[in-house]
Every structure is written in structure tokens, then in C-alpha cells.
Amino acid sequence: MTNIDETWRLFFKTKDEKARGDLIKHYLPVVKYQTDRIASHLPAQVRGNDKEDLYIEGVMGLMEALERFDPARNIKFETFASKRIRGAILDTLRREDILPKNIREHGKRIEKAYIEEEARLGRLPDEEEICKKLGMTKNEFYAILNKLKGISVVSMDSEILNTKGEKFSFEDVIGEEATVLIEFEREEARNQLASFIEILEKEERQIVELYYWEELTLKEIGTILDISESRVCQIRTNIMLKLRSRFRKLDKER
């Protein structure tokens, strides 16, 4: 049985290839967890055909993490590697543009509707008001949210604000490593995000906290809130559309 601490010491000291292989094998469950978690929220055609490719990209992210990991920073390797693995998978999804053009257009229409209705009402509109604005029934609105569900996976790791040519991700806002923003800009982003979460409905706030902070699955959240897994997914996607519209509006005002 491999002693992982001894394997790490050998790898740091000599970059021994066997030690590298043992470390990769030891942390493959982290790759599987991240791949499964992301794939479970993607459109069915992507989930079915490309999951193995996403897993391979995740392994590449793990290998990169091994090379970049610095134990002096006092961060658990699993935490450090998870971000690299997730990033590698999401980069692949962005390159492949997982959402059809017509679905993306629907997403943009909803974002625009949120911006316009919030300006008119002075508050975040509810689903009924957005449906009325878009001339849709709730069933039609939910059907679009179901097709858009991949957006909420990618969006949490993609750019959400562009200020003077500088871009950052949702993870920069909620506490991961900061590399592209000077401190006052990051603080402003945190404040904007905090104020956005405060005005969400109670159920929406709970989903944000349980999914992105507690890292529960949609099924687990549904059990806690006593709603279906698909409804949790719809609400989460709608939250991301609201968030994107809020930051898009903020960017235009700068």
C-alpha cells in the first residue's frame, strides 16, 4: 500500500516518475468526482457523448496541478487540484460551445428582460413578470431553463465582469485565488455579489448556499427543500441568468 506522504516527499525531491504515477493514481477519484459533478448538469447530448473526453481533460488538469502545487502555501492538494481539474474541463466545454446558437439567444433574451424589468420596477422581477415580458407561459420558460442548464456550470468559472479590459470569474469573487483584479475592484465585486444574493428569494438563497458553498448535489438540495431535482436545476439556472444580467448592467454603467 502506497504511503502518500512518503510519495509526496519523493516526488518533491526527485520528480520521480513512479512517484508521479502513484500520485496521479491516488487522486484519480478527485477527477472522477469533478467530471461527474459537471457532466450531470450538462445537456443530455454532451453528457452522453463526451463524458470520457471530459474525464481525460480532468486528468490533464490533475497532472498540471502536480507540477504547480506548492505545499508552502498551506493549501490542501485536493483543494488546489480540484480547481485545476474543474478549470481544464470547463475550458474544453467553452471551446466546444456546448449550447446551440438558438438556445444561447434565448438566454440573452432572458438576461435582457431581467435588466429592463429591474430598471422599470426598481427590484428584481419574479418569474411571472419575466414570462409576461417575454410573452411566454411558465412551462415555455421552464423548458428554456432546462435547455440552458449547462450555462450555470460554465458561468461559475467564466468571466462575469469586464472592467477596463480586466476580467474575473465568479470564483475570484467568492474567495479563490485572486490574480487579475486589484483589491478595491475585487471588494466592489464582492459587495455587488453580496447585495445580489440578499435580494434573492429565500429558496434561491438557500440553493446558492447549498450548491456553491456546501457543495451539495441537486438531488440532495431537492430533498432538503422538498422540491424535485429538476426544479432545483431550473432555479439555479435562473439565478445565473439574473446574476449575469446584473453584472452586464453594471459593466454598461461604467
C-alpha atoms as a PDB file:
ATOM      1  CA  MET A   1       0.000   0.000   0.000  1.00  0.00           C
ATOM      2  CA  THR A   2       1.408   3.381  -1.016  1.00  0.00           C
ATOM      3  CA  ASN A   3       2.270   5.811   1.765  1.00  0.00           C
ATOM      4  CA  ILE A   4       1.058   9.046   0.230  1.00  0.00           C
ATOM      5  CA  ASP A   5       3.184  11.301   2.438  1.00  0.00           C
ATOM      6  CA  GLU A   6       6.343   9.421   1.507  1.00  0.00           C
ATOM      7  CA  THR A   7       5.333   9.507  -2.156  1.00  0.00           C
ATOM      8  CA  TRP A   8       4.907  13.286  -1.993  1.00  0.00           C
ATOM      9  CA  ARG A   9       8.330  13.689  -0.346  1.00  0.00           C
ATOM     10  CA  LEU A  10       9.954  11.601  -3.059  1.00  0.00           C
ATOM     11  CA  PHE A  11       8.175  13.469  -5.813  1.00  0.00           C
ATOM     12  CA  PHE A  12       9.116  16.912  -4.459  1.00  0.00           C
ATOM     13  CA  LYS A  13      12.723  15.856  -4.001  1.00  0.00           C
ATOM     14  CA  THR A  14      13.429  13.996  -7.243  1.00  0.00           C
ATOM     15  CA  LYS A  15      10.382  14.338  -9.567  1.00  0.00           C
ATOM     16  CA  ASP A  16      10.493  10.548  -9.691  1.00  0.00           C
ATOM     17  CA  GLU A  17       8.254   9.226 -12.472  1.00  0.00           C
ATOM     18  CA  LYS A  18       6.941   6.298 -10.426  1.00  0.00           C
ATOM     19  CA  ALA A  19       6.045   8.694  -7.608  1.00  0.00           C
ATOM     20  CA  ARG A  20       4.267  10.914 -10.140  1.00  0.00           C
ATOM     21  CA  GLY A  21       2.289   7.945 -11.419  1.00  0.00           C
ATOM     22  CA  ASP A  22       1.372   6.844  -7.902  1.00  0.00           C
ATOM     23  CA  LEU A  23       0.144  10.346  -7.044  1.00  0.00           C
ATOM     24  CA  ILE A  24      -1.952  10.534 -10.213  1.00  0.00           C
ATOM     25  CA  LYS A  25      -3.491   7.141  -9.458  1.00  0.00           C
ATOM     26  CA  HIS A  26      -4.185   8.162  -5.845  1.00  0.00           C
ATOM     27  CA  TYR A  27      -6.030  11.353  -6.846  1.00  0.00           C
ATOM     28  CA  LEU A  28      -7.997   9.966  -9.811  1.00  0.00           C
ATOM     29  CA  PRO A  29     -11.159   9.806  -7.647  1.00  0.00           C
ATOM     30  CA  VAL A  30     -10.984  13.610  -7.436  1.00  0.00           C
ATOM     31  CA  VAL A  31     -11.027  13.750 -11.240  1.00  0.00           C
ATOM     32  CA  LYS A  32     -13.998  11.375 -11.369  1.00  0.00           C
ATOM     33  CA  TYR A  33     -15.911  13.417  -8.796  1.00  0.00           C
ATOM     34  CA  GLN A  34     -15.375  16.711 -10.650  1.00  0.00           C
ATOM     35  CA  THR A  35     -16.176  15.131 -14.037  1.00  0.00           C
ATOM     36  CA  ASP A  36     -19.367  13.518 -12.764  1.00  0.00           C
ATOM     37  CA  ARG A  37     -20.450  16.698 -10.999  1.00  0.00           C
ATOM     38  CA  ILE A  38     -20.035  18.858 -14.092  1.00  0.00           C
ATOM     39  CA  ALA A  39     -21.381  16.294 -16.563  1.00  0.00           C
ATOM     40  CA  SER A  40     -24.533  15.758 -14.529  1.00  0.00           C
ATOM     41  CA  HIS A  41     -25.608  19.342 -15.252  1.00  0.00           C
ATOM     42  CA  LEU A  42     -24.862  19.374 -18.967  1.00  0.00           C
ATOM     43  CA  PRO A  43     -27.329  18.867 -21.826  1.00  0.00           C
ATOM     44  CA  ALA A  44     -28.034  15.180 -22.431  1.00  0.00           C
ATOM     45  CA  GLN A  45     -26.210  15.030 -25.766  1.00  0.00           C
ATOM     46  CA  VAL A  46     -23.000  16.363 -24.206  1.00  0.00           C
ATOM     47  CA  ARG A  47     -23.319  14.233 -21.074  1.00  0.00           C
ATOM     48  CA  GLY A  48     -23.749  11.055 -23.092  1.00  0.00           C
ATOM     49  CA  ASN A  49     -21.138  11.512 -25.803  1.00  0.00           C
ATOM     50  CA  ASP A  50     -18.299  13.485 -24.243  1.00  0.00           C
ATOM     51  CA  LYS A  51     -18.010  12.426 -20.608  1.00  0.00           C
ATOM     52  CA  GLU A  52     -14.968  10.245 -21.265  1.00  0.00           C
ATOM     53  CA  ASP A  53     -13.266  13.128 -23.069  1.00  0.00           C
ATOM     54  CA  LEU A  54     -14.044  15.424 -20.140  1.00  0.00           C
ATOM     55  CA  TYR A  55     -12.504  12.886 -17.768  1.00  0.00           C
ATOM     56  CA  ILE A  56      -9.306  12.856 -19.840  1.00  0.00           C
ATOM     57  CA  GLU A  57      -9.174  16.652 -19.718  1.00  0.00           C
ATOM     58  CA  GLY A  58      -9.622  16.418 -15.954  1.00  0.00           C
ATOM     59  CA  VAL A  59      -6.648  14.043 -15.716  1.00  0.00           C
ATOM     60  CA  MET A  60      -4.593  16.604 -17.646  1.00  0.00           C
ATOM     61  CA  GLY A  61      -5.673  19.210 -15.106  1.00  0.00           C
ATOM     62  CA  LEU A  62      -4.562  16.886 -12.296  1.00  0.00           C
ATOM     63  CA  MET A  63      -1.152  16.452 -13.917  1.00  0.00           C
ATOM     64  CA  GLU A  64      -0.804  20.229 -14.200  1.00  0.00           C
ATOM     65  CA  ALA A  65      -1.774  20.585 -10.548  1.00  0.00           C
ATOM     66  CA  LEU A  66       1.005  18.175  -9.528  1.00  0.00           C
ATOM     67  CA  GLU A  67       3.572  20.347 -11.290  1.00  0.00           C
ATOM     68  CA  ARG A  68       2.268  23.619  -9.891  1.00  0.00           C
ATOM     69  CA  PHE A  69       1.476  22.595  -6.315  1.00  0.00           C
ATOM     70  CA  ASP A  70       3.431  24.416  -3.620  1.00  0.00           C
ATOM     71  CA  PRO A  71       2.988  22.918  -0.127  1.00  0.00           C
ATOM     72  CA  ALA A  72       4.447  26.086   1.405  1.00  0.00           C
ATOM     73  CA  ARG A  73       1.168  27.850   0.631  1.00  0.00           C
ATOM     74  CA  ASN A  74      -0.580  25.707   3.236  1.00  0.00           C
ATOM     75  CA  ILE A  75      -3.405  24.612   0.894  1.00  0.00           C
ATOM     76  CA  LYS A  76      -4.610  21.013   0.739  1.00  0.00           C
ATOM     77  CA  PHE A  77      -3.673  19.405  -2.558  1.00  0.00           C
ATOM     78  CA  GLU A  78      -7.235  18.167  -3.091  1.00  0.00           C
ATOM     79  CA  THR A  79      -8.480  21.762  -2.924  1.00  0.00           C
ATOM     80  CA  PHE A  80      -5.765  23.045  -5.240  1.00  0.00           C
ATOM     81  CA  ALA A  81      -6.180  20.190  -7.709  1.00  0.00           C
ATOM     82  CA  SER A  82      -9.975  20.425  -7.790  1.00  0.00           C
ATOM     83  CA  LYS A  83      -9.790  23.937  -9.191  1.00  0.00           C
ATOM     84  CA  ARG A  84      -7.273  22.922 -11.881  1.00  0.00           C
ATOM     85  CA  ILE A  85      -9.283  19.834 -12.803  1.00  0.00           C
ATOM     86  CA  ARG A  86     -12.545  21.771 -12.984  1.00  0.00           C
ATOM     87  CA  GLY A  87     -10.872  24.530 -14.961  1.00  0.00           C
ATOM     88  CA  ALA A  88      -9.471  22.092 -17.529  1.00  0.00           C
ATOM     89  CA  ILE A  89     -12.895  20.529 -18.048  1.00  0.00           C
ATOM     90  CA  LEU A  90     -14.681  23.864 -18.293  1.00  0.00           C
ATOM     91  CA  ASP A  91     -12.102  25.254 -20.728  1.00  0.00           C
ATOM     92  CA  THR A  92     -12.903  22.326 -23.014  1.00  0.00           C
ATOM     93  CA  LEU A  93     -16.628  22.956 -22.747  1.00  0.00           C
ATOM     94  CA  ARG A  94     -16.162  26.645 -23.584  1.00  0.00           C
ATOM     95  CA  ARG A  95     -14.044  25.821 -26.624  1.00  0.00           C
ATOM     96  CA  GLU A  96     -16.689  23.397 -27.863  1.00  0.00           C
ATOM     97  CA  ASP A  97     -19.526  25.870 -27.214  1.00  0.00           C
ATOM     98  CA  ILE A  98     -21.897  23.324 -25.684  1.00  0.00           C
ATOM     99  CA  LEU A  99     -25.052  25.365 -26.177  1.00  0.00           C
ATOM    100  CA  PRO A 100     -26.672  25.645 -29.625  1.00  0.00           C
ATOM    101  CA  LYS A 101     -26.895  29.169 -31.012  1.00  0.00           C
ATOM    102  CA  ASN A 102     -30.682  29.380 -30.710  1.00  0.00           C
ATOM    103  CA  ILE A 103     -30.533  28.377 -27.034  1.00  0.00           C
ATOM    104  CA  ARG A 104     -27.865  30.997 -26.362  1.00  0.00           C
ATOM    105  CA  GLU A 105     -30.122  33.576 -27.980  1.00  0.00           C
ATOM    106  CA  HIS A 106     -32.939  32.597 -25.622  1.00  0.00           C
ATOM    107  CA  GLY A 107     -30.533  33.055 -22.716  1.00  0.00           C
ATOM    108  CA  LYS A 108     -29.603  36.534 -23.910  1.00  0.00           C
ATOM    109  CA  ARG A 109     -33.287  37.447 -24.269  1.00  0.00           C
ATOM    110  CA  ILE A 110     -33.941  36.413 -20.682  1.00  0.00           C
ATOM    111  CA  GLU A 111     -30.918  38.345 -19.417  1.00  0.00           C
ATOM    112  CA  LYS A 112     -32.081  41.432 -21.317  1.00  0.00           C
ATOM    113  CA  ALA A 113     -35.595  41.038 -19.897  1.00  0.00           C
ATOM    114  CA  TYR A 114     -34.208  40.953 -16.369  1.00  0.00           C
ATOM    115  CA  ILE A 115     -32.187  44.117 -16.987  1.00  0.00           C
ATOM    116  CA  GLU A 116     -35.158  46.004 -18.449  1.00  0.00           C
ATOM    117  CA  GLU A 117     -37.691  44.842 -15.872  1.00  0.00           C
ATOM    118  CA  GLU A 118     -35.396  45.544 -12.940  1.00  0.00           C
ATOM    119  CA  ALA A 119     -34.881  49.079 -14.273  1.00  0.00           C
ATOM    120  CA  ARG A 120     -38.635  49.537 -14.667  1.00  0.00           C
ATOM    121  CA  LEU A 121     -39.663  48.026 -11.345  1.00  0.00           C
ATOM    122  CA  GLY A 122     -36.725  49.094  -9.188  1.00  0.00           C
ATOM    123  CA  ARG A 123     -36.317  45.498  -7.980  1.00  0.00           C
ATOM    124  CA  LEU A 124     -35.645  42.043  -9.335  1.00  0.00           C
ATOM    125  CA  PRO A 125     -38.678  40.810 -11.268  1.00  0.00           C
ATOM    126  CA  ASP A 126     -40.202  37.453 -10.427  1.00  0.00           C
ATOM    127  CA  GLU A 127     -40.733  34.611 -12.876  1.00  0.00           C
ATOM    128  CA  GLU A 128     -44.291  35.622 -13.737  1.00  0.00           C
ATOM    129  CA  GLU A 129     -43.177  39.156 -14.626  1.00  0.00           C
ATOM    130  CA  ILE A 130     -40.358  37.829 -16.800  1.00  0.00           C
ATOM    131  CA  CYS A 131     -42.713  35.417 -18.543  1.00  0.00           C
ATOM    132  CA  LYS A 132     -45.114  38.277 -19.268  1.00  0.00           C
ATOM    133  CA  LYS A 133     -42.259  40.426 -20.573  1.00  0.00           C
ATOM    134  CA  LEU A 134     -41.125  37.637 -22.879  1.00  0.00           C
ATOM    135  CA  GLY A 135     -44.653  36.631 -23.922  1.00  0.00           C
ATOM    136  CA  MET A 136     -44.140  33.089 -22.643  1.00  0.00           C
ATOM    137  CA  THR A 137     -46.030  30.691 -20.448  1.00  0.00           C
ATOM    138  CA  LYS A 138     -44.265  29.372 -17.360  1.00  0.00           C
ATOM    139  CA  ASN A 139     -43.957  25.976 -18.992  1.00  0.00           C
ATOM    140  CA  GLU A 140     -42.225  27.524 -22.011  1.00  0.00           C
ATOM    141  CA  PHE A 141     -39.919  29.496 -19.680  1.00  0.00           C
ATOM    142  CA  TYR A 142     -39.024  26.373 -17.688  1.00  0.00           C
ATOM    143  CA  ALA A 143     -38.376  24.442 -20.895  1.00  0.00           C
ATOM    144  CA  ILE A 144     -35.801  27.051 -21.895  1.00  0.00           C
ATOM    145  CA  LEU A 145     -34.205  26.929 -18.448  1.00  0.00           C
ATOM    146  CA  ASN A 146     -33.889  23.153 -18.804  1.00  0.00           C
ATOM    147  CA  LYS A 147     -32.083  23.579 -22.119  1.00  0.00           C
ATOM    148  CA  LEU A 148     -29.882  26.298 -20.662  1.00  0.00           C
ATOM    149  CA  LYS A 149     -28.779  24.342 -17.614  1.00  0.00           C
ATOM    150  CA  GLY A 150     -25.218  23.931 -18.922  1.00  0.00           C
ATOM    151  CA  ILE A 151     -24.793  27.687 -18.630  1.00  0.00           C
ATOM    152  CA  SER A 152     -24.855  27.568 -14.841  1.00  0.00           C
ATOM    153  CA  VAL A 153     -21.908  25.179 -14.749  1.00  0.00           C
ATOM    154  CA  VAL A 154     -19.719  27.174 -17.084  1.00  0.00           C
ATOM    155  CA  SER A 155     -20.771  30.570 -15.774  1.00  0.00           C
ATOM    156  CA  MET A 156     -19.470  29.988 -12.275  1.00  0.00           C
ATOM    157  CA  ASP A 157     -15.977  29.662 -13.671  1.00  0.00           C
ATOM    158  CA  SER A 158     -16.239  32.063 -16.579  1.00  0.00           C
ATOM    159  CA  GLU A 159     -15.916  35.829 -16.835  1.00  0.00           C
ATOM    160  CA  ILE A 160     -18.730  37.814 -15.276  1.00  0.00           C
ATOM    161  CA  LEU A 161     -17.403  41.343 -15.394  1.00  0.00           C
ATOM    162  CA  ASN A 162     -15.142  43.236 -17.754  1.00  0.00           C
ATOM    163  CA  THR A 163     -13.814  46.471 -16.308  1.00  0.00           C
ATOM    164  CA  LYS A 164     -11.332  48.469 -18.370  1.00  0.00           C
ATOM    165  CA  GLY A 165     -10.273  45.329 -20.168  1.00  0.00           C
ATOM    166  CA  GLU A 166      -9.817  43.279 -16.979  1.00  0.00           C
ATOM    167  CA  LYS A 167     -11.848  40.173 -16.374  1.00  0.00           C
ATOM    168  CA  PHE A 168     -12.507  37.918 -13.413  1.00  0.00           C
ATOM    169  CA  SER A 169     -14.527  34.869 -12.564  1.00  0.00           C
ATOM    170  CA  PHE A 170     -17.203  34.090 -10.030  1.00  0.00           C
ATOM    171  CA  GLU A 171     -14.549  32.149  -8.112  1.00  0.00           C
ATOM    172  CA  ASP A 172     -12.482  35.311  -7.754  1.00  0.00           C
ATOM    173  CA  VAL A 173     -15.477  36.835  -6.028  1.00  0.00           C
ATOM    174  CA  ILE A 174     -16.243  34.026  -3.609  1.00  0.00           C
ATOM    175  CA  GLY A 175     -12.769  33.536  -2.285  1.00  0.00           C
ATOM    176  CA  GLU A 176     -10.495  31.574  -4.606  1.00  0.00           C
ATOM    177  CA  GLU A 177      -7.090  32.845  -5.672  1.00  0.00           C
ATOM    178  CA  ALA A 178      -7.030  36.445  -6.882  1.00  0.00           C
ATOM    179  CA  THR A 179      -4.707  37.235  -9.769  1.00  0.00           C
ATOM    180  CA  VAL A 180      -6.321  39.714 -12.129  1.00  0.00           C
ATOM    181  CA  LEU A 181      -8.008  42.382 -10.013  1.00  0.00           C
ATOM    182  CA  ILE A 182      -6.586  44.996  -7.740  1.00  0.00           C
ATOM    183  CA  GLU A 183      -8.087  44.857  -4.273  1.00  0.00           C
ATOM    184  CA  PHE A 184     -10.659  47.636  -4.455  1.00  0.00           C
ATOM    185  CA  GLU A 185     -12.132  46.172  -7.648  1.00  0.00           C
ATOM    186  CA  ARG A 186     -12.435  42.763  -6.031  1.00  0.00           C
ATOM    187  CA  GLU A 187     -14.065  44.327  -2.992  1.00  0.00           C
ATOM    188  CA  GLU A 188     -16.590  46.100  -5.211  1.00  0.00           C
ATOM    189  CA  ALA A 189     -17.370  42.817  -6.945  1.00  0.00           C
ATOM    190  CA  ARG A 190     -17.869  41.075  -3.609  1.00  0.00           C
ATOM    191  CA  ASN A 191     -20.215  43.834  -2.491  1.00  0.00           C
ATOM    192  CA  GLN A 192     -22.212  43.599  -5.719  1.00  0.00           C
ATOM    193  CA  LEU A 193     -22.494  39.849  -5.366  1.00  0.00           C
ATOM    194  CA  ALA A 194     -23.468  40.087  -1.698  1.00  0.00           C
ATOM    195  CA  SER A 195     -26.162  42.666  -2.466  1.00  0.00           C
ATOM    196  CA  PHE A 196     -27.455  40.481  -5.299  1.00  0.00           C
ATOM    197  CA  ILE A 197     -27.744  37.414  -3.062  1.00  0.00           C
ATOM    198  CA  GLU A 198     -29.540  39.447  -0.388  1.00  0.00           C
ATOM    199  CA  ILE A 199     -32.388  40.315  -2.759  1.00  0.00           C
ATOM    200  CA  LEU A 200     -32.935  36.757  -3.957  1.00  0.00           C
ATOM    201  CA  GLU A 201     -35.945  34.835  -2.755  1.00  0.00           C
ATOM    202  CA  LYS A 202     -35.316  32.677   0.320  1.00  0.00           C
ATOM    203  CA  GLU A 203     -35.376  29.464  -1.712  1.00  0.00           C
ATOM    204  CA  GLU A 204     -32.929  30.898  -4.241  1.00  0.00           C
ATOM    205  CA  ARG A 205     -30.504  31.986  -1.493  1.00  0.00           C
ATOM    206  CA  GLN A 206     -30.673  28.524   0.028  1.00  0.00           C
ATOM    207  CA  ILE A 207     -29.814  26.921  -3.310  1.00  0.00           C
ATOM    208  CA  VAL A 208     -26.822  29.233  -3.818  1.00  0.00           C
ATOM    209  CA  GLU A 209     -25.527  28.458  -0.347  1.00  0.00           C
ATOM    210  CA  LEU A 210     -26.143  24.714  -0.503  1.00  0.00           C
ATOM    211  CA  TYR A 211     -24.785  24.228  -4.016  1.00  0.00           C
ATOM    212  CA  TYR A 212     -21.834  26.599  -4.233  1.00  0.00           C
ATOM    213  CA  TRP A 213     -20.772  26.807  -0.593  1.00  0.00           C
ATOM    214  CA  GLU A 214     -21.832  23.453   0.881  1.00  0.00           C
ATOM    215  CA  GLU A 215     -21.271  21.657  -2.471  1.00  0.00           C
ATOM    216  CA  LEU A 216     -24.370  19.512  -2.165  1.00  0.00           C
ATOM    217  CA  THR A 217     -25.784  17.806  -5.243  1.00  0.00           C
ATOM    218  CA  LEU A 218     -29.037  18.927  -6.845  1.00  0.00           C
ATOM    219  CA  LYS A 219     -30.712  15.784  -5.567  1.00  0.00           C
ATOM    220  CA  GLU A 220     -29.555  16.475  -2.006  1.00  0.00           C
ATOM    221  CA  ILE A 221     -30.756  20.073  -2.228  1.00  0.00           C
ATOM    222  CA  GLY A 222     -34.109  18.942  -3.562  1.00  0.00           C
ATOM    223  CA  THR A 223     -34.506  16.605  -0.599  1.00  0.00           C
ATOM    224  CA  ILE A 224     -33.707  19.397   1.867  1.00  0.00           C
ATOM    225  CA  LEU A 225     -36.062  21.898   0.204  1.00  0.00           C
ATOM    226  CA  ASP A 226     -38.718  19.279  -0.606  1.00  0.00           C
ATOM    227  CA  ILE A 227     -38.750  20.057  -4.336  1.00  0.00           C
ATOM    228  CA  SER A 228     -37.730  17.994  -7.349  1.00  0.00           C
ATOM    229  CA  GLU A 229     -34.164  17.787  -8.600  1.00  0.00           C
ATOM    230  CA  SER A 230     -35.237  19.255 -11.958  1.00  0.00           C
ATOM    231  CA  ARG A 231     -36.853  22.220 -10.202  1.00  0.00           C
ATOM    232  CA  VAL A 232     -33.622  22.884  -8.274  1.00  0.00           C
ATOM    233  CA  CYS A 233     -31.786  22.868 -11.607  1.00  0.00           C
ATOM    234  CA  GLN A 234     -34.278  25.328 -13.131  1.00  0.00           C
ATOM    235  CA  ILE A 235     -33.981  27.720 -10.184  1.00  0.00           C
ATOM    236  CA  ARG A 236     -30.185  27.536 -10.217  1.00  0.00           C
ATOM    237  CA  THR A 237     -30.052  28.290 -13.941  1.00  0.00           C
ATOM    238  CA  ASN A 238     -32.441  31.209 -13.476  1.00  0.00           C
ATOM    239  CA  ILE A 239     -30.239  32.580 -10.673  1.00  0.00           C
ATOM    240  CA  MET A 240     -27.261  32.535 -13.032  1.00  0.00           C
ATOM    241  CA  LEU A 241     -29.224  34.428 -15.696  1.00  0.00           C
ATOM    242  CA  LYS A 242     -30.161  37.041 -13.095  1.00  0.00           C
ATOM    243  CA  LEU A 243     -26.567  37.289 -11.945  1.00  0.00           C
ATOM    244  CA  ARG A 244     -25.253  37.643 -15.485  1.00  0.00           C
ATOM    245  CA  SER A 245     -27.807  40.367 -16.227  1.00  0.00           C
ATOM    246  CA  ARG A 246     -26.827  42.216 -13.028  1.00  0.00           C
ATOM    247  CA  PHE A 247     -23.108  42.238 -13.863  1.00  0.00           C
ATOM    248  CA  ARG A 248     -23.750  43.005 -17.524  1.00  0.00           C
ATOM    249  CA  LYS A 249     -25.798  46.038 -16.450  1.00  0.00           C
ATOM    250  CA  LEU A 250     -23.059  47.091 -14.016  1.00  0.00           C
ATOM    251  CA  ASP A 251     -20.438  46.856 -16.736  1.00  0.00           C
ATOM    252  CA  LYS A 252     -22.505  49.048 -19.094  1.00  0.00           C
ATOM    253  CA  GLU A 253     -22.841  51.703 -16.413  1.00  0.00           C
ATOM    254  CA  ARG A 254     -19.075  52.075 -16.044  1.00  0.00           C
END
